[in-house]
Amino acid sequence: MFHDLVRKMFAIVRTGGKQYRVQKDDKIEVEKLDAEAGKTVELDEVLFVDGKIGEPLVKGASVKAKVVEQTRGEKITIFKKKRRQNYRRKKGHRQNLTVLQITDIKAA
């Protein structure tokens, strides 16, 4: 009952052209970052943290994360077809991903 009253601080960060809502101890999959497993990365593009909205970024805010692993996403199939033209193309793609665990959120 009381754990619902405690509000956890969260942030919205931008990396790899996408935005993620993160809290401490969250695990997220982002597009590949150049860091080995076990290293710490700092995400500086913070759009929102603890009620402060950036214009476009919150000055002095950052999110620290630990790289858990480098992995690949599920395979997606791209299929193109034009009817009655005997035109068919089938391709597959797996995105390279980095799994991050959020360790700290620092507001300005």
PDB file of N, CA and C in Angstrom:
ATOM      1  N   MET A   1       0.815  -1.189   0.000  1.00  0.00           N
ATOM      2  CA  MET A   1       0.000   0.000   0.000  1.00  0.00           C
ATOM      3  C   MET A   1       0.863   1.257   0.000  1.00  0.00           C
ATOM      4  N   PHE A   2       1.880   1.298   0.859  1.00  0.00           N
ATOM      5  CA  PHE A   2       2.701   2.497   0.957  1.00  0.00           C
ATOM      6  C   PHE A   2       3.673   2.623  -0.195  1.00  0.00           C
ATOM      7  N   HIS A   3       4.010   1.492  -0.844  1.00  0.00           N
ATOM      8  CA  HIS A   3       4.950   1.587  -1.945  1.00  0.00           C
ATOM      9  C   HIS A   3       4.363   2.329  -3.138  1.00  0.00           C
ATOM     10  N   ASP A   4       3.032   2.443  -3.222  1.00  0.00           N
ATOM     11  CA  ASP A   4       2.406   3.207  -4.286  1.00  0.00           C
ATOM     12  C   ASP A   4       2.576   4.709  -4.083  1.00  0.00           C
ATOM     13  N   LEU A   5       2.768   5.112  -2.838  1.00  0.00           N
ATOM     14  CA  LEU A   5       2.899   6.535  -2.541  1.00  0.00           C
ATOM     15  C   LEU A   5       4.292   7.067  -2.862  1.00  0.00           C
ATOM     16  N   VAL A   6       5.279   6.192  -2.908  1.00  0.00           N
ATOM     17  CA  VAL A   6       6.641   6.623  -3.196  1.00  0.00           C
ATOM     18  C   VAL A   6       6.787   6.775  -4.705  1.00  0.00           C
ATOM     19  N   ARG A   7       7.143   7.985  -5.130  1.00  0.00           N
ATOM     20  CA  ARG A   7       7.279   8.269  -6.555  1.00  0.00           C
ATOM     21  C   ARG A   7       8.742   8.144  -6.939  1.00  0.00           C
ATOM     22  N   LYS A   8       9.014   7.265  -7.880  1.00  0.00           N
ATOM     23  CA  LYS A   8      10.378   7.095  -8.353  1.00  0.00           C
ATOM     24  C   LYS A   8      10.688   8.155  -9.397  1.00  0.00           C
ATOM     25  N   MET A   9      11.918   8.671  -9.340  1.00  0.00           N
ATOM     26  CA  MET A   9      12.336   9.656 -10.316  1.00  0.00           C
ATOM     27  C   MET A   9      12.596   8.953 -11.646  1.00  0.00           C
ATOM     28  N   PHE A  10      12.109   9.546 -12.726  1.00  0.00           N
ATOM     29  CA  PHE A  10      12.361   8.979 -14.045  1.00  0.00           C
ATOM     30  C   PHE A  10      12.868  10.078 -14.966  1.00  0.00           C
ATOM     31  N   ALA A  11      13.421   9.643 -16.073  1.00  0.00           N
ATOM     32  CA  ALA A  11      13.935  10.579 -17.068  1.00  0.00           C
ATOM     33  C   ALA A  11      13.563  10.071 -18.449  1.00  0.00           C
ATOM     34  N   ILE A  12      13.545  10.982 -19.399  1.00  0.00           N
ATOM     35  CA  ILE A  12      13.362  10.617 -20.799  1.00  0.00           C
ATOM     36  C   ILE A  12      14.652  10.987 -21.509  1.00  0.00           C
ATOM     37  N   VAL A  13      15.298   9.976 -22.090  1.00  0.00           N
ATOM     38  CA  VAL A  13      16.571  10.189 -22.775  1.00  0.00           C
ATOM     39  C   VAL A  13      16.416   9.868 -24.252  1.00  0.00           C
ATOM     40  N   ARG A  14      17.300  10.464 -25.046  1.00  0.00           N
ATOM     41  CA  ARG A  14      17.295  10.213 -26.485  1.00  0.00           C
ATOM     42  C   ARG A  14      18.638   9.612 -26.881  1.00  0.00           C
ATOM     43  N   THR A  15      18.596   8.463 -27.537  1.00  0.00           N
ATOM     44  CA  THR A  15      19.797   7.831 -28.061  1.00  0.00           C
ATOM     45  C   THR A  15      19.415   7.010 -29.284  1.00  0.00           C
ATOM     46  N   GLY A  16      20.235   7.059 -30.291  1.00  0.00           N
ATOM     47  CA  GLY A  16      19.966   6.303 -31.504  1.00  0.00           C
ATOM     48  C   GLY A  16      18.731   6.774 -32.246  1.00  0.00           C
ATOM     49  N   GLY A  17      18.348   8.044 -32.081  1.00  0.00           N
ATOM     50  CA  GLY A  17      17.182   8.576 -32.770  1.00  0.00           C
ATOM     51  C   GLY A  17      15.857   8.204 -32.138  1.00  0.00           C
ATOM     52  N   LYS A  18      15.894   7.538 -30.988  1.00  0.00           N
ATOM     53  CA  LYS A  18      14.663   7.140 -30.298  1.00  0.00           C
ATOM     54  C   LYS A  18      14.684   7.695 -28.882  1.00  0.00           C
ATOM     55  N   GLN A  19      13.511   7.758 -28.262  1.00  0.00           N
ATOM     56  CA  GLN A  19      13.394   8.261 -26.899  1.00  0.00           C
ATOM     57  C   GLN A  19      12.949   7.127 -25.985  1.00  0.00           C
ATOM     58  N   TYR A  20      13.522   7.108 -24.777  1.00  0.00           N
ATOM     59  CA  TYR A  20      13.237   6.051 -23.812  1.00  0.00           C
ATOM     60  C   TYR A  20      12.915   6.673 -22.461  1.00  0.00           C
ATOM     61  N   ARG A  21      11.884   6.141 -21.799  1.00  0.00           N
ATOM     62  CA  ARG A  21      11.551   6.550 -20.431  1.00  0.00           C
ATOM     63  C   ARG A  21      12.249   5.564 -19.509  1.00  0.00           C
ATOM     64  N   VAL A  22      13.138   6.066 -18.656  1.00  0.00           N
ATOM     65  CA  VAL A  22      13.950   5.182 -17.823  1.00  0.00           C
ATOM     66  C   VAL A  22      13.850   5.564 -16.354  1.00  0.00           C
ATOM     67  N   GLN A  23      13.981   4.541 -15.508  1.00  0.00           N
ATOM     68  CA  GLN A  23      14.095   4.711 -14.064  1.00  0.00           C
ATOM     69  C   GLN A  23      15.331   3.949 -13.619  1.00  0.00           C
ATOM     70  N   LYS A  24      15.737   4.183 -12.385  1.00  0.00           N
ATOM     71  CA  LYS A  24      16.887   3.468 -11.854  1.00  0.00           C
ATOM     72  C   LYS A  24      16.616   1.962 -11.867  1.00  0.00           C
ATOM     73  N   ASP A  25      17.606   1.176 -12.223  1.00  0.00           N
ATOM     74  CA  ASP A  25      17.586  -0.292 -12.297  1.00  0.00           C
ATOM     75  C   ASP A  25      16.782  -0.829 -13.480  1.00  0.00           C
ATOM     76  N   ASP A  26      16.327   0.022 -14.400  1.00  0.00           N
ATOM     77  CA  ASP A  26      15.661  -0.457 -15.614  1.00  0.00           C
ATOM     78  C   ASP A  26      16.683  -1.051 -16.571  1.00  0.00           C
ATOM     79  N   LYS A  27      16.234  -2.018 -17.373  1.00  0.00           N
ATOM     80  CA  LYS A  27      17.050  -2.554 -18.463  1.00  0.00           C
ATOM     81  C   LYS A  27      16.368  -2.175 -19.763  1.00  0.00           C
ATOM     82  N   ILE A  28      17.135  -1.569 -20.676  1.00  0.00           N
ATOM     83  CA  ILE A  28      16.584  -1.162 -21.958  1.00  0.00           C
ATOM     84  C   ILE A  28      17.492  -1.643 -23.076  1.00  0.00           C
ATOM     85  N   GLU A  29      16.896  -1.853 -24.248  1.00  0.00           N
ATOM     86  CA  GLU A  29      17.648  -2.212 -25.442  1.00  0.00           C
ATOM     87  C   GLU A  29      17.672  -0.997 -26.350  1.00  0.00           C
ATOM     88  N   VAL A  30      18.876  -0.515 -26.669  1.00  0.00           N
ATOM     89  CA  VAL A  30      19.040   0.641 -27.545  1.00  0.00           C
ATOM     90  C   VAL A  30      19.859   0.225 -28.757  1.00  0.00           C
ATOM     91  N   GLU A  31      19.885   1.097 -29.766  1.00  0.00           N
ATOM     92  CA  GLU A  31      20.722   0.807 -30.921  1.00  0.00           C
ATOM     93  C   GLU A  31      22.177   0.752 -30.484  1.00  0.00           C
ATOM     94  N   LYS A  32      22.977   0.017 -31.236  1.00  0.00           N
ATOM     95  CA  LYS A  32      24.351  -0.316 -30.837  1.00  0.00           C
ATOM     96  C   LYS A  32      25.175   0.907 -30.454  1.00  0.00           C
ATOM     97  N   LEU A  33      25.789   0.820 -29.284  1.00  0.00           N
ATOM     98  CA  LEU A  33      26.732   1.821 -28.803  1.00  0.00           C
ATOM     99  C   LEU A  33      28.129   1.208 -28.801  1.00  0.00           C
ATOM    100  N   ASP A  34      29.135   2.035 -29.008  1.00  0.00           N
ATOM    101  CA  ASP A  34      30.511   1.542 -29.013  1.00  0.00           C
ATOM    102  C   ASP A  34      31.036   1.446 -27.586  1.00  0.00           C
ATOM    103  N   ALA A  35      30.680   0.377 -26.903  1.00  0.00           N
ATOM    104  CA  ALA A  35      31.143   0.128 -25.542  1.00  0.00           C
ATOM    105  C   ALA A  35      31.088  -1.368 -25.287  1.00  0.00           C
ATOM    106  N   GLU A  36      32.060  -1.856 -24.552  1.00  0.00           N
ATOM    107  CA  GLU A  36      32.114  -3.280 -24.245  1.00  0.00           C
ATOM    108  C   GLU A  36      31.243  -3.593 -23.029  1.00  0.00           C
ATOM    109  N   ALA A  37      30.899  -4.869 -22.899  1.00  0.00           N
ATOM    110  CA  ALA A  37      30.085  -5.297 -21.759  1.00  0.00           C
ATOM    111  C   ALA A  37      30.838  -5.023 -20.461  1.00  0.00           C
ATOM    112  N   GLY A  38      30.135  -4.490 -19.476  1.00  0.00           N
ATOM    113  CA  GLY A  38      30.742  -4.169 -18.191  1.00  0.00           C
ATOM    114  C   GLY A  38      31.155  -2.717 -18.070  1.00  0.00           C
ATOM    115  N   LYS A  39      31.264  -2.005 -19.174  1.00  0.00           N
ATOM    116  CA  LYS A  39      31.664  -0.587 -19.142  1.00  0.00           C
ATOM    117  C   LYS A  39      30.462   0.277 -18.759  1.00  0.00           C
ATOM    118  N   THR A  40      30.751   1.505 -18.353  1.00  0.00           N
ATOM    119  CA  THR A  40      29.724   2.465 -17.992  1.00  0.00           C
ATOM    120  C   THR A  40      29.635   3.526 -19.079  1.00  0.00           C
ATOM    121  N   VAL A  41      28.411   3.849 -19.494  1.00  0.00           N
ATOM    122  CA  VAL A  41      28.198   4.909 -20.475  1.00  0.00           C
ATOM    123  C   VAL A  41      27.338   5.991 -19.843  1.00  0.00           C
ATOM    124  N   GLU A  42      27.492   7.209 -20.357  1.00  0.00           N
ATOM    125  CA  GLU A  42      26.712   8.329 -19.852  1.00  0.00           C
ATOM    126  C   GLU A  42      25.872   8.875 -20.996  1.00  0.00           C
ATOM    127  N   LEU A  43      24.567   8.932 -20.785  1.00  0.00           N
ATOM    128  CA  LEU A  43      23.644   9.456 -21.784  1.00  0.00           C
ATOM    129  C   LEU A  43      23.366  10.915 -21.441  1.00  0.00           C
ATOM    130  N   ASP A  44      23.832  11.831 -22.301  1.00  0.00           N
ATOM    131  CA  ASP A  44      23.731  13.261 -22.016  1.00  0.00           C
ATOM    132  C   ASP A  44      22.483  13.916 -22.593  1.00  0.00           C
ATOM    133  N   GLU A  45      21.858  13.284 -23.561  1.00  0.00           N
ATOM    134  CA  GLU A  45      20.685  13.883 -24.192  1.00  0.00           C
ATOM    135  C   GLU A  45      19.442  13.577 -23.356  1.00  0.00           C
ATOM    136  N   VAL A  46      19.257  14.336 -22.290  1.00  0.00           N
ATOM    137  CA  VAL A  46      18.125  14.155 -21.380  1.00  0.00           C
ATOM    138  C   VAL A  46      17.072  15.200 -21.734  1.00  0.00           C
ATOM    139  N   LEU A  47      15.874  14.732 -22.091  1.00  0.00           N
ATOM    140  CA  LEU A  47      14.794  15.626 -22.506  1.00  0.00           C
ATOM    141  C   LEU A  47      13.892  16.025 -21.348  1.00  0.00           C
ATOM    142  N   PHE A  48      13.815  15.168 -20.319  1.00  0.00           N
ATOM    143  CA  PHE A  48      12.933  15.408 -19.178  1.00  0.00           C
ATOM    144  C   PHE A  48      13.502  14.690 -17.973  1.00  0.00           C
ATOM    145  N   VAL A  49      13.535  15.353 -16.836  1.00  0.00           N
ATOM    146  CA  VAL A  49      13.945  14.688 -15.607  1.00  0.00           C
ATOM    147  C   VAL A  49      13.319  15.406 -14.420  1.00  0.00           C
ATOM    148  N   ASP A  50      12.669  14.640 -13.563  1.00  0.00           N
ATOM    149  CA  ASP A  50      12.130  15.127 -12.294  1.00  0.00           C
ATOM    150  C   ASP A  50      11.305  16.410 -12.444  1.00  0.00           C
ATOM    151  N   GLY A  51      10.410  16.446 -13.414  1.00  0.00           N
ATOM    152  CA  GLY A  51       9.535  17.593 -13.590  1.00  0.00           C
ATOM    153  C   GLY A  51      10.124  18.730 -14.387  1.00  0.00           C
ATOM    154  N   LYS A  52      11.386  18.625 -14.800  1.00  0.00           N
ATOM    155  CA  LYS A  52      12.016  19.683 -15.594  1.00  0.00           C
ATOM    156  C   LYS A  52      11.998  19.277 -17.059  1.00  0.00           C
ATOM    157  N   ILE A  53      11.412  20.129 -17.875  1.00  0.00           N
ATOM    158  CA  ILE A  53      11.350  19.864 -19.307  1.00  0.00           C
ATOM    159  C   ILE A  53      12.457  20.655 -19.977  1.00  0.00           C
ATOM    160  N   GLY A  54      13.217  19.981 -20.822  1.00  0.00           N
ATOM    161  CA  GLY A  54      14.319  20.642 -21.507  1.00  0.00           C
ATOM    162  C   GLY A  54      13.859  21.444 -22.697  1.00  0.00           C
ATOM    163  N   GLU A  55      14.730  22.370 -23.131  1.00  0.00           N
ATOM    164  CA  GLU A  55      14.419  23.217 -24.275  1.00  0.00           C
ATOM    165  C   GLU A  55      15.545  23.165 -25.281  1.00  0.00           C
ATOM    166  N   PRO A  56      15.860  22.145 -26.021  1.00  0.00           N
ATOM    167  CA  PRO A  56      15.252  20.821 -26.012  1.00  0.00           C
ATOM    168  C   PRO A  56      15.851  19.888 -24.967  1.00  0.00           C
ATOM    169  N   LEU A  57      17.053  20.194 -24.422  1.00  0.00           N
ATOM    170  CA  LEU A  57      17.688  19.312 -23.449  1.00  0.00           C
ATOM    171  C   LEU A  57      17.732  19.975 -22.082  1.00  0.00           C
ATOM    172  N   VAL A  58      17.724  19.172 -21.028  1.00  0.00           N
ATOM    173  CA  VAL A  58      17.858  19.681 -19.672  1.00  0.00           C
ATOM    174  C   VAL A  58      19.344  19.883 -19.408  1.00  0.00           C
ATOM    175  N   LYS A  59      19.732  21.103 -19.075  1.00  0.00           N
ATOM    176  CA  LYS A  59      21.141  21.421 -18.875  1.00  0.00           C
ATOM    177  C   LYS A  59      21.660  20.773 -17.598  1.00  0.00           C
ATOM    178  N   GLY A  60      22.809  20.135 -17.690  1.00  0.00           N
ATOM    179  CA  GLY A  60      23.454  19.539 -16.524  1.00  0.00           C
ATOM    180  C   GLY A  60      22.918  18.185 -16.110  1.00  0.00           C
ATOM    181  N   ALA A  61      21.889  17.701 -16.782  1.00  0.00           N
ATOM    182  CA  ALA A  61      21.314  16.400 -16.423  1.00  0.00           C
ATOM    183  C   ALA A  61      21.994  15.294 -17.226  1.00  0.00           C
ATOM    184  N   SER A  62      22.113  14.126 -16.606  1.00  0.00           N
ATOM    185  CA  SER A  62      22.686  12.982 -17.311  1.00  0.00           C
ATOM    186  C   SER A  62      22.160  11.692 -16.691  1.00  0.00           C
ATOM    187  N   VAL A  63      22.270  10.635 -17.456  1.00  0.00           N
ATOM    188  CA  VAL A  63      21.853   9.312 -17.004  1.00  0.00           C
ATOM    189  C   VAL A  63      23.036   8.379 -17.205  1.00  0.00           C
ATOM    190  N   LYS A  64      23.420   7.687 -16.132  1.00  0.00           N
ATOM    191  CA  LYS A  64      24.517   6.731 -16.224  1.00  0.00           C
ATOM    192  C   LYS A  64      23.939   5.327 -16.329  1.00  0.00           C
ATOM    193  N   ALA A  65      24.582   4.530 -17.204  1.00  0.00           N
ATOM    194  CA  ALA A  65      24.097   3.173 -17.432  1.00  0.00           C
ATOM    195  C   ALA A  65      25.289   2.243 -17.603  1.00  0.00           C
ATOM    196  N   LYS A  66      25.079   0.989 -17.221  1.00  0.00           N
ATOM    197  CA  LYS A  66      26.102  -0.041 -17.374  1.00  0.00           C
ATOM    198  C   LYS A  66      25.719  -0.909 -18.568  1.00  0.00           C
ATOM    199  N   VAL A  67      26.699  -1.205 -19.418  1.00  0.00           N
ATOM    200  CA  VAL A  67      26.451  -2.051 -20.578  1.00  0.00           C
ATOM    201  C   VAL A  67      26.400  -3.494 -20.108  1.00  0.00           C
ATOM    202  N   VAL A  68      25.249  -4.133 -20.290  1.00  0.00           N
ATOM    203  CA  VAL A  68      25.075  -5.525 -19.883  1.00  0.00           C
ATOM    204  C   VAL A  68      25.625  -6.447 -20.955  1.00  0.00           C
ATOM    205  N   GLU A  69      25.218  -6.215 -22.220  1.00  0.00           N
ATOM    206  CA  GLU A  69      25.696  -7.055 -23.313  1.00  0.00           C
ATOM    207  C   GLU A  69      25.441  -6.382 -24.645  1.00  0.00           C
ATOM    208  N   GLN A  70      26.160  -6.844 -25.667  1.00  0.00           N
ATOM    209  CA  GLN A  70      25.908  -6.475 -27.058  1.00  0.00           C
ATOM    210  C   GLN A  70      25.174  -7.657 -27.675  1.00  0.00           C
ATOM    211  N   THR A  71      24.037  -7.411 -28.287  1.00  0.00           N
ATOM    212  CA  THR A  71      23.221  -8.497 -28.821  1.00  0.00           C
ATOM    213  C   THR A  71      22.613  -8.069 -30.144  1.00  0.00           C
ATOM    214  N   ARG A  72      21.781  -8.937 -30.697  1.00  0.00           N
ATOM    215  CA  ARG A  72      21.067  -8.627 -31.923  1.00  0.00           C
ATOM    216  C   ARG A  72      19.577  -8.863 -31.708  1.00  0.00           C
ATOM    217  N   GLY A  73      18.772  -8.053 -32.368  1.00  0.00           N
ATOM    218  CA  GLY A  73      17.326  -8.161 -32.238  1.00  0.00           C
ATOM    219  C   GLY A  73      16.783  -9.325 -33.036  1.00  0.00           C
ATOM    220  N   GLU A  74      15.482  -9.497 -32.962  1.00  0.00           N
ATOM    221  CA  GLU A  74      14.825 -10.551 -33.724  1.00  0.00           C
ATOM    222  C   GLU A  74      14.893 -10.239 -35.209  1.00  0.00           C
ATOM    223  N   LYS A  75      14.864 -11.293 -36.013  1.00  0.00           N
ATOM    224  CA  LYS A  75      14.925 -11.118 -37.460  1.00  0.00           C
ATOM    225  C   LYS A  75      13.580 -10.628 -37.975  1.00  0.00           C
ATOM    226  N   ILE A  76      13.643  -9.606 -38.815  1.00  0.00           N
ATOM    227  CA  ILE A  76      12.439  -9.147 -39.483  1.00  0.00           C
ATOM    228  C   ILE A  76      12.591  -9.451 -40.967  1.00  0.00           C
ATOM    229  N   THR A  77      11.485  -9.755 -41.613  1.00  0.00           N
ATOM    230  CA  THR A  77      11.496 -10.102 -43.026  1.00  0.00           C
ATOM    231  C   THR A  77      10.877  -8.961 -43.818  1.00  0.00           C
ATOM    232  N   ILE A  78      11.575  -8.546 -44.872  1.00  0.00           N
ATOM    233  CA  ILE A  78      11.076  -7.519 -45.775  1.00  0.00           C
ATOM    234  C   ILE A  78      10.722  -8.211 -47.080  1.00  0.00           C
ATOM    235  N   PHE A  79       9.467  -8.112 -47.492  1.00  0.00           N
ATOM    236  CA  PHE A  79       9.022  -8.778 -48.717  1.00  0.00           C
ATOM    237  C   PHE A  79       8.335  -7.759 -49.610  1.00  0.00           C
ATOM    238  N   LYS A  80       8.814  -7.639 -50.847  1.00  0.00           N
ATOM    239  CA  LYS A  80       8.222  -6.723 -51.816  1.00  0.00           C
ATOM    240  C   LYS A  80       7.633  -7.543 -52.955  1.00  0.00           C
ATOM    241  N   LYS A  81       6.497  -7.104 -53.454  1.00  0.00           N
ATOM    242  CA  LYS A  81       5.864  -7.828 -54.558  1.00  0.00           C
ATOM    243  C   LYS A  81       5.063  -6.853 -55.406  1.00  0.00           C
ATOM    244  N   LYS A  82       5.152  -7.039 -56.715  1.00  0.00           N
ATOM    245  CA  LYS A  82       4.290  -6.315 -57.640  1.00  0.00           C
ATOM    246  C   LYS A  82       3.484  -7.363 -58.387  1.00  0.00           C
ATOM    247  N   ARG A  83       2.194  -7.280 -58.294  1.00  0.00           N
ATOM    248  CA  ARG A  83       1.355  -8.330 -58.870  1.00  0.00           C
ATOM    249  C   ARG A  83       1.436  -8.330 -60.395  1.00  0.00           C
ATOM    250  N   ARG A  84       1.356  -9.509 -60.923  1.00  0.00           N
ATOM    251  CA  ARG A  84       1.359  -9.772 -62.364  1.00  0.00           C
ATOM    252  C   ARG A  84       2.638  -9.307 -63.057  1.00  0.00           C
ATOM    253  N   GLN A  85       3.689  -9.011 -62.333  1.00  0.00           N
ATOM    254  CA  GLN A  85       4.946  -8.576 -62.941  1.00  0.00           C
ATOM    255  C   GLN A  85       6.072  -9.580 -62.698  1.00  0.00           C
ATOM    256  N   ASN A  86       5.792 -10.646 -61.988  1.00  0.00           N
ATOM    257  CA  ASN A  86       6.805 -11.627 -61.600  1.00  0.00           C
ATOM    258  C   ASN A  86       7.950 -10.956 -60.832  1.00  0.00           C
ATOM    259  N   TYR A  87       7.591  -9.976 -59.984  1.00  0.00           N
ATOM    260  CA  TYR A  87       8.581  -9.239 -59.193  1.00  0.00           C
ATOM    261  C   TYR A  87       8.385  -9.575 -57.721  1.00  0.00           C
ATOM    262  N   ARG A  88       9.358 -10.273 -57.151  1.00  0.00           N
ATOM    263  CA  ARG A  88       9.324 -10.611 -55.727  1.00  0.00           C
ATOM    264  C   ARG A  88      10.730 -10.464 -55.170  1.00  0.00           C
ATOM    265  N   ARG A  89      10.843  -9.792 -54.034  1.00  0.00           N
ATOM    266  CA  ARG A  89      12.134  -9.638 -53.359  1.00  0.00           C
ATOM    267  C   ARG A  89      11.934  -9.947 -51.882  1.00  0.00           C
ATOM    268  N   LYS A  90      12.807 -10.772 -51.349  1.00  0.00           N
ATOM    269  CA  LYS A  90      12.721 -11.133 -49.936  1.00  0.00           C
ATOM    270  C   LYS A  90      14.067 -10.849 -49.291  1.00  0.00           C
ATOM    271  N   LYS A  91      14.043 -10.054 -48.229  1.00  0.00           N
ATOM    272  CA  LYS A  91      15.255  -9.720 -47.483  1.00  0.00           C
ATOM    273  C   LYS A  91      14.969  -9.895 -45.997  1.00  0.00           C
ATOM    274  N   GLY A  92      16.037 -10.100 -45.244  1.00  0.00           N
ATOM    275  CA  GLY A  92      15.915 -10.183 -43.796  1.00  0.00           C
ATOM    276  C   GLY A  92      16.867  -9.202 -43.145  1.00  0.00           C
ATOM    277  N   HIS A  93      16.586  -8.865 -41.900  1.00  0.00           N
ATOM    278  CA  HIS A  93      17.435  -7.898 -41.193  1.00  0.00           C
ATOM    279  C   HIS A  93      17.382  -8.177 -39.694  1.00  0.00           C
ATOM    280  N   ARG A  94      18.549  -8.108 -39.062  1.00  0.00           N
ATOM    281  CA  ARG A  94      18.631  -8.173 -37.594  1.00  0.00           C
ATOM    282  C   ARG A  94      19.414  -6.966 -37.129  1.00  0.00           C
ATOM    283  N   GLN A  95      18.812  -6.184 -36.249  1.00  0.00           N
ATOM    284  CA  GLN A  95      19.436  -4.957 -35.767  1.00  0.00           C
ATOM    285  C   GLN A  95      20.421  -5.275 -34.645  1.00  0.00           C
ATOM    286  N   ASN A  96      21.588  -4.628 -34.680  1.00  0.00           N
ATOM    287  CA  ASN A  96      22.545  -4.737 -33.580  1.00  0.00           C
ATOM    288  C   ASN A  96      22.056  -3.871 -32.428  1.00  0.00           C
ATOM    289  N   LEU A  97      22.026  -4.445 -31.221  1.00  0.00           N
ATOM    290  CA  LEU A  97      21.491  -3.755 -30.049  1.00  0.00           C
ATOM    291  C   LEU A  97      22.485  -3.795 -28.895  1.00  0.00           C
ATOM    292  N   THR A  98      22.345  -2.854 -27.996  1.00  0.00           N
ATOM    293  CA  THR A  98      23.098  -2.822 -26.751  1.00  0.00           C
ATOM    294  C   THR A  98      22.095  -2.843 -25.611  1.00  0.00           C
ATOM    295  N   VAL A  99      22.288  -3.738 -24.655  1.00  0.00           N
ATOM    296  CA  VAL A  99      21.409  -3.812 -23.484  1.00  0.00           C
ATOM    297  C   VAL A  99      22.055  -2.990 -22.378  1.00  0.00           C
ATOM    298  N   LEU A 100      21.316  -2.009 -21.866  1.00  0.00           N
ATOM    299  CA  LEU A 100      21.814  -1.122 -20.813  1.00  0.00           C
ATOM    300  C   LEU A 100      21.009  -1.307 -19.537  1.00  0.00           C
ATOM    301  N   GLN A 101      21.704  -1.205 -18.397  1.00  0.00           N
ATOM    302  CA  GLN A 101      21.018  -1.178 -17.101  1.00  0.00           C
ATOM    303  C   GLN A 101      21.290   0.198 -16.499  1.00  0.00           C
ATOM    304  N   ILE A 102      20.229   0.908 -16.189  1.00  0.00           N
ATOM    305  CA  ILE A 102      20.344   2.275 -15.670  1.00  0.00           C
ATOM    306  C   ILE A 102      20.837   2.210 -14.218  1.00  0.00           C
ATOM    307  N   THR A 103      21.934   2.900 -13.944  1.00  0.00           N
ATOM    308  CA  THR A 103      22.499   2.886 -12.594  1.00  0.00           C
ATOM    309  C   THR A 103      22.235   4.176 -11.822  1.00  0.00           C
ATOM    310  N   ASP A 104      22.141   5.316 -12.536  1.00  0.00           N
ATOM    311  CA  ASP A 104      21.987   6.581 -11.824  1.00  0.00           C
ATOM    312  C   ASP A 104      21.341   7.619 -12.734  1.00  0.00           C
ATOM    313  N   ILE A 105      20.471   8.420 -12.153  1.00  0.00           N
ATOM    314  CA  ILE A 105      19.867   9.552 -12.863  1.00  0.00           C
ATOM    315  C   ILE A 105      20.250  10.807 -12.102  1.00  0.00           C
ATOM    316  N   LYS A 106      20.935  11.719 -12.796  1.00  0.00           N
ATOM    317  CA  LYS A 106      21.396  12.937 -12.153  1.00  0.00           C
ATOM    318  C   LYS A 106      20.678  14.131 -12.754  1.00  0.00           C
ATOM    319  N   ALA A 107      19.912  14.838 -11.921  1.00  0.00           N
ATOM    320  CA  ALA A 107      19.250  16.055 -12.389  1.00  0.00           C
ATOM    321  C   ALA A 107      20.250  17.204 -12.316  1.00  0.00           C
ATOM    322  N   ALA A 108      19.870  18.316 -12.903  1.00  0.00           N
ATOM    323  CA  ALA A 108      20.778  19.472 -12.952  1.00  0.00           C
ATOM    324  C   ALA A 108      21.085  19.997 -11.565  1.00  0.00           C
TER     325      ALA A 108
END
